[in-house]
């Protein structure tokens, strides 16, 4: 195990990676992270070797060790990078002015569709995440944080749109987001049930699930233009 701080850290250069002081070093770090995600997708975390990651990144094993202590420290850096990107994507989605004029039913389906596209783009990361979790590693706090942030944005949007919500809405929104993410990840990693992760029917059904569970069936119309 690396000498690591808590895995819920989301700094771009956490203490369990060696700092990249120059642009060239940062670019190499980014190449290694992308290569690692692809290698995990192809072979899984435990079957992927550091030589595989270095080869895919076009660098030497020595370059890997100049940036990361070992493969698990490398994964924690990958997780921090993924969490930061997820938070940025969530913020961009909800702060888009188009959200205020969009029907909530359309918004929920768009949210699930965007989530599915993002998840499928980093399949290797999720495979490695589950493998480490099954070995007892506490890798879930950053995921829970991303879900909570997404839920906060959703509740803020409801209130901005004048949707009547009670004091339990924050926890319900967090659970709803977690269920939506879980269904998409499960379909991607374990196969269709009944729909595949990229099938529009799944996104429609998950959007409907969010609407009904959160009790906003009567508020899905578009915001009238003034």
C-alpha atoms as a PDB file:
ATOM      1  CA  UNK A   1       0.000   0.000   0.000  1.00  0.00           C
ATOM      2  CA  UNK A   2       1.215   3.542  -0.678  1.00  0.00           C
ATOM      3  CA  UNK A   3       1.786   5.919   2.185  1.00  0.00           C
ATOM      4  CA  UNK A   4      -1.319   7.819   1.286  1.00  0.00           C
ATOM      5  CA  UNK A   5      -3.608  10.367   2.764  1.00  0.00           C
ATOM      6  CA  UNK A   6      -7.360   9.731   2.871  1.00  0.00           C
ATOM      7  CA  UNK A   7      -8.720   8.789  -0.596  1.00  0.00           C
ATOM      8  CA  UNK A   8     -11.426  11.448  -0.419  1.00  0.00           C
ATOM      9  CA  UNK A   9      -8.847  14.105  -1.282  1.00  0.00           C
ATOM     10  CA  UNK A  10      -9.484  15.812  -4.597  1.00  0.00           C
ATOM     11  CA  UNK A  11      -6.437  18.030  -5.045  1.00  0.00           C
ATOM     12  CA  UNK A  12      -4.920  17.920  -8.527  1.00  0.00           C
ATOM     13  CA  UNK A  13      -1.523  16.881  -7.097  1.00  0.00           C
ATOM     14  CA  UNK A  14      -2.234  15.064  -3.803  1.00  0.00           C
ATOM     15  CA  UNK A  15       0.628  14.257  -1.452  1.00  0.00           C
ATOM     16  CA  UNK A  16       0.745  10.598  -2.423  1.00  0.00           C
ATOM     17  CA  UNK A  17       2.016  11.502  -5.872  1.00  0.00           C
ATOM     18  CA  UNK A  18       5.337  13.146  -6.489  1.00  0.00           C
ATOM     19  CA  UNK A  19       4.850  16.737  -7.704  1.00  0.00           C
ATOM     20  CA  UNK A  20       5.126  17.602 -11.389  1.00  0.00           C
ATOM     21  CA  UNK A  21       6.963  20.897 -11.463  1.00  0.00           C
ATOM     22  CA  UNK A  22       7.301  21.403 -15.209  1.00  0.00           C
ATOM     23  CA  UNK A  23       4.780  21.380 -18.011  1.00  0.00           C
ATOM     24  CA  UNK A  24       6.521  18.432 -19.655  1.00  0.00           C
ATOM     25  CA  UNK A  25       6.301  16.440 -16.425  1.00  0.00           C
ATOM     26  CA  UNK A  26       2.617  17.272 -16.043  1.00  0.00           C
ATOM     27  CA  UNK A  27       1.934  16.211 -19.612  1.00  0.00           C
ATOM     28  CA  UNK A  28       3.686  12.908 -18.937  1.00  0.00           C
ATOM     29  CA  UNK A  29       1.632  12.451 -15.766  1.00  0.00           C
ATOM     30  CA  UNK A  30      -1.570  13.019 -17.748  1.00  0.00           C
ATOM     31  CA  UNK A  31      -0.467  10.527 -20.411  1.00  0.00           C
ATOM     32  CA  UNK A  32       0.213   7.940 -17.710  1.00  0.00           C
ATOM     33  CA  UNK A  33      -3.224   8.460 -16.153  1.00  0.00           C
ATOM     34  CA  UNK A  34      -4.976   8.057 -19.510  1.00  0.00           C
ATOM     35  CA  UNK A  35      -2.855   5.023 -20.342  1.00  0.00           C
ATOM     36  CA  UNK A  36      -3.635   3.453 -16.978  1.00  0.00           C
ATOM     37  CA  UNK A  37      -7.370   3.834 -17.484  1.00  0.00           C
ATOM     38  CA  UNK A  38      -7.094   2.095 -20.868  1.00  0.00           C
ATOM     39  CA  UNK A  39      -4.921  -0.662 -19.413  1.00  0.00           C
ATOM     40  CA  UNK A  40      -7.377  -1.263 -16.548  1.00  0.00           C
ATOM     41  CA  UNK A  41     -10.205  -1.513 -19.086  1.00  0.00           C
ATOM     42  CA  UNK A  42      -8.295  -4.130 -21.076  1.00  0.00           C
ATOM     43  CA  UNK A  43      -6.869  -6.262 -18.255  1.00  0.00           C
ATOM     44  CA  UNK A  44      -8.321  -5.176 -14.914  1.00  0.00           C
ATOM     45  CA  UNK A  45      -6.407  -3.615 -12.044  1.00  0.00           C
ATOM     46  CA  UNK A  46      -4.610  -6.665 -10.696  1.00  0.00           C
ATOM     47  CA  UNK A  47      -3.599  -8.047 -14.089  1.00  0.00           C
ATOM     48  CA  UNK A  48      -2.272  -4.706 -15.313  1.00  0.00           C
ATOM     49  CA  UNK A  49       1.466  -4.238 -14.807  1.00  0.00           C
ATOM     50  CA  UNK A  50       3.306  -0.976 -14.493  1.00  0.00           C
ATOM     51  CA  UNK A  51       5.213  -1.899 -17.640  1.00  0.00           C
ATOM     52  CA  UNK A  52       1.848  -2.060 -19.494  1.00  0.00           C
ATOM     53  CA  UNK A  53       0.917   1.441 -18.320  1.00  0.00           C
ATOM     54  CA  UNK A  54       4.329   2.886 -19.179  1.00  0.00           C
ATOM     55  CA  UNK A  55       4.309   1.306 -22.638  1.00  0.00           C
ATOM     56  CA  UNK A  56       0.845   2.660 -23.432  1.00  0.00           C
ATOM     57  CA  UNK A  57       1.953   6.114 -22.259  1.00  0.00           C
ATOM     58  CA  UNK A  58       5.102   5.981 -24.388  1.00  0.00           C
ATOM     59  CA  UNK A  59       7.454   6.416 -21.471  1.00  0.00           C
ATOM     60  CA  UNK A  60       9.794   4.341 -19.331  1.00  0.00           C
ATOM     61  CA  UNK A  61       9.053   2.465 -16.126  1.00  0.00           C
ATOM     62  CA  UNK A  62      11.518   4.788 -14.433  1.00  0.00           C
ATOM     63  CA  UNK A  63       9.370   7.745 -15.494  1.00  0.00           C
ATOM     64  CA  UNK A  64       6.376   6.070 -13.855  1.00  0.00           C
ATOM     65  CA  UNK A  65       8.208   5.680 -10.562  1.00  0.00           C
ATOM     66  CA  UNK A  66       9.412   9.258 -10.660  1.00  0.00           C
ATOM     67  CA  UNK A  67       5.739  10.265 -10.490  1.00  0.00           C
ATOM     68  CA  UNK A  68       4.063   7.484  -8.475  1.00  0.00           C
ATOM     69  CA  UNK A  69       5.170   5.283  -5.612  1.00  0.00           C
ATOM     70  CA  UNK A  70       3.375   2.176  -6.884  1.00  0.00           C
ATOM     71  CA  UNK A  71       0.290   1.028  -8.783  1.00  0.00           C
ATOM     72  CA  UNK A  72      -2.153   1.712  -5.940  1.00  0.00           C
ATOM     73  CA  UNK A  73      -0.808   5.235  -5.479  1.00  0.00           C
ATOM     74  CA  UNK A  74      -1.234   5.617  -9.224  1.00  0.00           C
ATOM     75  CA  UNK A  75      -4.885   4.589  -8.946  1.00  0.00           C
ATOM     76  CA  UNK A  76      -5.518   7.118  -6.170  1.00  0.00           C
ATOM     77  CA  UNK A  77      -4.090   9.819  -8.421  1.00  0.00           C
ATOM     78  CA  UNK A  78      -6.341   8.608 -11.240  1.00  0.00           C
ATOM     79  CA  UNK A  79      -9.320   8.693  -8.884  1.00  0.00           C
ATOM     80  CA  UNK A  80      -8.532  12.244  -7.791  1.00  0.00           C
ATOM     81  CA  UNK A  81      -8.308  13.307 -11.436  1.00  0.00           C
ATOM     82  CA  UNK A  82     -11.609  11.611 -12.291  1.00  0.00           C
ATOM     83  CA  UNK A  83     -13.382  13.220  -9.320  1.00  0.00           C
ATOM     84  CA  UNK A  84     -12.152  16.693 -10.272  1.00  0.00           C
ATOM     85  CA  UNK A  85     -13.294  16.189 -13.876  1.00  0.00           C
ATOM     86  CA  UNK A  86     -16.678  14.877 -12.717  1.00  0.00           C
ATOM     87  CA  UNK A  87     -17.258  17.912 -10.488  1.00  0.00           C
ATOM     88  CA  UNK A  88     -16.352  20.233 -13.360  1.00  0.00           C
ATOM     89  CA  UNK A  89     -18.735  18.431 -15.731  1.00  0.00           C
ATOM     90  CA  UNK A  90     -21.585  18.520 -13.198  1.00  0.00           C
ATOM     91  CA  UNK A  91     -21.088  22.235 -12.608  1.00  0.00           C
ATOM     92  CA  UNK A  92     -21.032  22.932 -16.346  1.00  0.00           C
ATOM     93  CA  UNK A  93     -24.230  20.913 -16.895  1.00  0.00           C
ATOM     94  CA  UNK A  94     -26.299  22.585 -14.183  1.00  0.00           C
ATOM     95  CA  UNK A  95     -24.986  26.101 -14.749  1.00  0.00           C
ATOM     96  CA  UNK A  96     -25.859  25.993 -18.436  1.00  0.00           C
ATOM     97  CA  UNK A  97     -28.645  28.616 -18.905  1.00  0.00           C
ATOM     98  CA  UNK A  98     -30.503  26.069 -21.044  1.00  0.00           C
ATOM     99  CA  UNK A  99     -31.358  24.110 -17.876  1.00  0.00           C
ATOM    100  CA  UNK A 100     -33.732  26.848 -16.676  1.00  0.00           C
ATOM    101  CA  UNK A 101     -35.892  26.677 -19.786  1.00  0.00           C
ATOM    102  CA  UNK A 102     -35.876  22.909 -20.129  1.00  0.00           C
ATOM    103  CA  UNK A 103     -38.719  20.689 -18.963  1.00  0.00           C
ATOM    104  CA  UNK A 104     -37.666  18.672 -15.920  1.00  0.00           C
ATOM    105  CA  UNK A 105     -38.538  15.435 -17.688  1.00  0.00           C
ATOM    106  CA  UNK A 106     -36.213  16.406 -20.551  1.00  0.00           C
ATOM    107  CA  UNK A 107     -33.565  17.479 -18.052  1.00  0.00           C
ATOM    108  CA  UNK A 108     -33.648  14.172 -16.149  1.00  0.00           C
ATOM    109  CA  UNK A 109     -33.288  12.147 -19.333  1.00  0.00           C
ATOM    110  CA  UNK A 110     -30.464  14.400 -20.533  1.00  0.00           C
ATOM    111  CA  UNK A 111     -28.761  14.003 -17.151  1.00  0.00           C
ATOM    112  CA  UNK A 112     -28.882  10.206 -17.317  1.00  0.00           C
ATOM    113  CA  UNK A 113     -27.741  10.217 -20.949  1.00  0.00           C
ATOM    114  CA  UNK A 114     -24.773  12.471 -20.165  1.00  0.00           C
ATOM    115  CA  UNK A 115     -23.906  10.305 -17.167  1.00  0.00           C
ATOM    116  CA  UNK A 116     -23.975   7.142 -19.281  1.00  0.00           C
ATOM    117  CA  UNK A 117     -21.748   8.688 -21.934  1.00  0.00           C
ATOM    118  CA  UNK A 118     -19.239   9.853 -19.304  1.00  0.00           C
ATOM    119  CA  UNK A 119     -19.217   6.519 -17.466  1.00  0.00           C
ATOM    120  CA  UNK A 120     -18.643   4.535 -20.653  1.00  0.00           C
ATOM    121  CA  UNK A 121     -15.752   6.813 -21.506  1.00  0.00           C
ATOM    122  CA  UNK A 122     -13.879   5.776 -18.346  1.00  0.00           C
ATOM    123  CA  UNK A 123     -14.883   2.134 -18.079  1.00  0.00           C
ATOM    124  CA  UNK A 124     -11.400   1.069 -17.027  1.00  0.00           C
ATOM    125  CA  UNK A 125     -11.487   3.381 -14.034  1.00  0.00           C
ATOM    126  CA  UNK A 126     -14.721   1.803 -12.794  1.00  0.00           C
ATOM    127  CA  UNK A 127     -13.393  -1.715 -13.303  1.00  0.00           C
ATOM    128  CA  UNK A 128     -10.343  -0.882 -11.211  1.00  0.00           C
ATOM    129  CA  UNK A 129     -12.533   0.848  -8.611  1.00  0.00           C
ATOM    130  CA  UNK A 130     -14.636  -2.274  -8.084  1.00  0.00           C
ATOM    131  CA  UNK A 131     -11.610  -4.569  -8.002  1.00  0.00           C
ATOM    132  CA  UNK A 132      -9.962  -2.506  -5.285  1.00  0.00           C
ATOM    133  CA  UNK A 133     -13.223  -2.237  -3.364  1.00  0.00           C
ATOM    134  CA  UNK A 134     -13.623  -6.019  -3.366  1.00  0.00           C
ATOM    135  CA  UNK A 135     -10.137  -6.281  -1.859  1.00  0.00           C
ATOM    136  CA  UNK A 136     -11.227  -4.061   1.033  1.00  0.00           C
ATOM    137  CA  UNK A 137      -9.821  -0.718  -0.117  1.00  0.00           C
ATOM    138  CA  UNK A 138     -11.823   2.342   0.960  1.00  0.00           C
ATOM    139  CA  UNK A 139     -12.189   3.854  -2.504  1.00  0.00           C
ATOM    140  CA  UNK A 140     -15.803   5.021  -2.343  1.00  0.00           C
ATOM    141  CA  UNK A 141     -15.680   8.412  -0.507  1.00  0.00           C
ATOM    142  CA  UNK A 142     -14.775  10.409  -3.646  1.00  0.00           C
ATOM    143  CA  UNK A 143     -17.692   8.779  -5.485  1.00  0.00           C
ATOM    144  CA  UNK A 144     -20.098   9.653  -2.684  1.00  0.00           C
ATOM    145  CA  UNK A 145     -18.816  13.232  -2.731  1.00  0.00           C
ATOM    146  CA  UNK A 146     -19.471  13.563  -6.481  1.00  0.00           C
ATOM    147  CA  UNK A 147     -22.997  12.170  -6.012  1.00  0.00           C
ATOM    148  CA  UNK A 148     -23.677  14.614  -3.172  1.00  0.00           C
ATOM    149  CA  UNK A 149     -22.507  17.564  -5.274  1.00  0.00           C
ATOM    150  CA  UNK A 150     -24.738  16.465  -8.156  1.00  0.00           C
ATOM    151  CA  UNK A 151     -27.680  16.141  -5.763  1.00  0.00           C
ATOM    152  CA  UNK A 152     -27.055  19.639  -4.373  1.00  0.00           C
ATOM    153  CA  UNK A 153     -27.143  21.115  -7.860  1.00  0.00           C
ATOM    154  CA  UNK A 154     -30.368  19.227  -8.592  1.00  0.00           C
ATOM    155  CA  UNK A 155     -32.091  20.509  -5.443  1.00  0.00           C
ATOM    156  CA  UNK A 156     -30.953  24.070  -6.151  1.00  0.00           C
ATOM    157  CA  UNK A 157     -32.436  23.795  -9.621  1.00  0.00           C
ATOM    158  CA  UNK A 158     -35.752  22.545  -8.197  1.00  0.00           C
ATOM    159  CA  UNK A 159     -35.946  25.488  -5.816  1.00  0.00           C
ATOM    160  CA  UNK A 160     -34.984  27.947  -8.541  1.00  0.00           C
ATOM    161  CA  UNK A 161     -37.754  26.511 -10.682  1.00  0.00           C
ATOM    162  CA  UNK A 162     -40.294  26.866  -7.855  1.00  0.00           C
ATOM    163  CA  UNK A 163     -40.735  23.129  -7.286  1.00  0.00           C
ATOM    164  CA  UNK A 164     -42.205  22.394  -3.863  1.00  0.00           C
ATOM    165  CA  UNK A 165     -39.699  20.284  -1.901  1.00  0.00           C
ATOM    166  CA  UNK A 166     -39.548  19.133   1.712  1.00  0.00           C
ATOM    167  CA  UNK A 167     -36.633  18.927   4.151  1.00  0.00           C
ATOM    168  CA  UNK A 168     -35.835  15.364   3.047  1.00  0.00           C
ATOM    169  CA  UNK A 169     -35.189  16.293  -0.560  1.00  0.00           C
ATOM    170  CA  UNK A 170     -31.395  16.537  -0.251  1.00  0.00           C
ATOM    171  CA  UNK A 171     -30.974  12.969   0.993  1.00  0.00           C
ATOM    172  CA  UNK A 172     -33.549  11.688  -1.488  1.00  0.00           C
ATOM    173  CA  UNK A 173     -31.771  13.446  -4.346  1.00  0.00           C
ATOM    174  CA  UNK A 174     -28.447  11.933  -3.243  1.00  0.00           C
ATOM    175  CA  UNK A 175     -29.985   8.453  -3.137  1.00  0.00           C
ATOM    176  CA  UNK A 176     -31.668   8.971  -6.512  1.00  0.00           C
ATOM    177  CA  UNK A 177     -28.400  10.067  -8.125  1.00  0.00           C
ATOM    178  CA  UNK A 178     -26.622   7.100  -6.550  1.00  0.00           C
ATOM    179  CA  UNK A 179     -29.254   4.680  -7.895  1.00  0.00           C
ATOM    180  CA  UNK A 180     -29.016   6.203 -11.358  1.00  0.00           C
ATOM    181  CA  UNK A 181     -25.221   5.972 -11.403  1.00  0.00           C
ATOM    182  CA  UNK A 182     -25.352   2.432 -10.022  1.00  0.00           C
ATOM    183  CA  UNK A 183     -27.721   1.187 -12.717  1.00  0.00           C
ATOM    184  CA  UNK A 184     -25.593   2.653 -15.506  1.00  0.00           C
ATOM    185  CA  UNK A 185     -22.342   1.270 -14.076  1.00  0.00           C
ATOM    186  CA  UNK A 186     -23.928  -2.139 -13.488  1.00  0.00           C
ATOM    187  CA  UNK A 187     -25.218  -2.299 -17.078  1.00  0.00           C
ATOM    188  CA  UNK A 188     -21.781  -1.347 -18.357  1.00  0.00           C
ATOM    189  CA  UNK A 189     -19.746  -3.776 -16.228  1.00  0.00           C
ATOM    190  CA  UNK A 190     -22.141  -6.693 -15.871  1.00  0.00           C
ATOM    191  CA  UNK A 191     -24.200  -6.578 -19.039  1.00  0.00           C
ATOM    192  CA  UNK A 192     -27.719  -5.457 -19.996  1.00  0.00           C
ATOM    193  CA  UNK A 193     -30.515  -5.908 -17.533  1.00  0.00           C
ATOM    194  CA  UNK A 194     -32.664  -5.437 -19.549  1.00  0.00           C
ATOM    195  CA  UNK A 195     -30.988  -2.532 -21.409  1.00  0.00           C
ATOM    196  CA  UNK A 196     -27.339  -1.809 -22.131  1.00  0.00           C
ATOM    197  CA  UNK A 197     -25.710   1.280 -20.649  1.00  0.00           C
ATOM    198  CA  UNK A 198     -25.823   3.186 -23.954  1.00  0.00           C
ATOM    199  CA  UNK A 199     -29.421   2.363 -24.914  1.00  0.00           C
ATOM    200  CA  UNK A 200     -31.798   5.365 -24.958  1.00  0.00           C
ATOM    201  CA  UNK A 201     -34.535   3.231 -23.376  1.00  0.00           C
ATOM    202  CA  UNK A 202     -32.424   2.900 -20.225  1.00  0.00           C
ATOM    203  CA  UNK A 203     -31.914   6.659 -20.041  1.00  0.00           C
ATOM    204  CA  UNK A 204     -35.652   7.268 -20.473  1.00  0.00           C
ATOM    205  CA  UNK A 205     -36.528   4.799 -17.715  1.00  0.00           C
ATOM    206  CA  UNK A 206     -33.910   6.165 -15.331  1.00  0.00           C
ATOM    207  CA  UNK A 207     -35.136   9.694 -15.995  1.00  0.00           C
ATOM    208  CA  UNK A 208     -38.669   8.530 -15.155  1.00  0.00           C
ATOM    209  CA  UNK A 209     -37.358   6.856 -11.999  1.00  0.00           C
ATOM    210  CA  UNK A 210     -35.794  10.137 -10.857  1.00  0.00           C
ATOM    211  CA  UNK A 211     -38.981  12.082 -11.544  1.00  0.00           C
ATOM    212  CA  UNK A 212     -41.236   9.671  -9.669  1.00  0.00           C
ATOM    213  CA  UNK A 213     -38.949   8.982  -6.729  1.00  0.00           C
ATOM    214  CA  UNK A 214     -38.334  12.691  -6.157  1.00  0.00           C
ATOM    215  CA  UNK A 215     -42.055  13.416  -6.445  1.00  0.00           C
ATOM    216  CA  UNK A 216     -41.839  16.050  -9.176  1.00  0.00           C
ATOM    217  CA  UNK A 217     -44.296  14.457 -11.606  1.00  0.00           C
ATOM    218  CA  UNK A 218     -46.486  17.566 -11.636  1.00  0.00           C
ATOM    219  CA  UNK A 219     -43.630  20.009 -12.166  1.00  0.00           C
ATOM    220  CA  UNK A 220     -41.983  18.655 -15.298  1.00  0.00           C
ATOM    221  CA  UNK A 221     -43.285  21.272 -17.716  1.00  0.00           C
ATOM    222  CA  UNK A 222     -40.984  23.884 -19.183  1.00  0.00           C
ATOM    223  CA  UNK A 223     -40.527  27.176 -17.401  1.00  0.00           C
ATOM    224  CA  UNK A 224     -42.736  29.740 -19.182  1.00  0.00           C
ATOM    225  CA  UNK A 225     -40.871  32.520 -20.953  1.00  0.00           C
ATOM    226  CA  UNK A 226     -41.383  36.002 -19.601  1.00  0.00           C
END
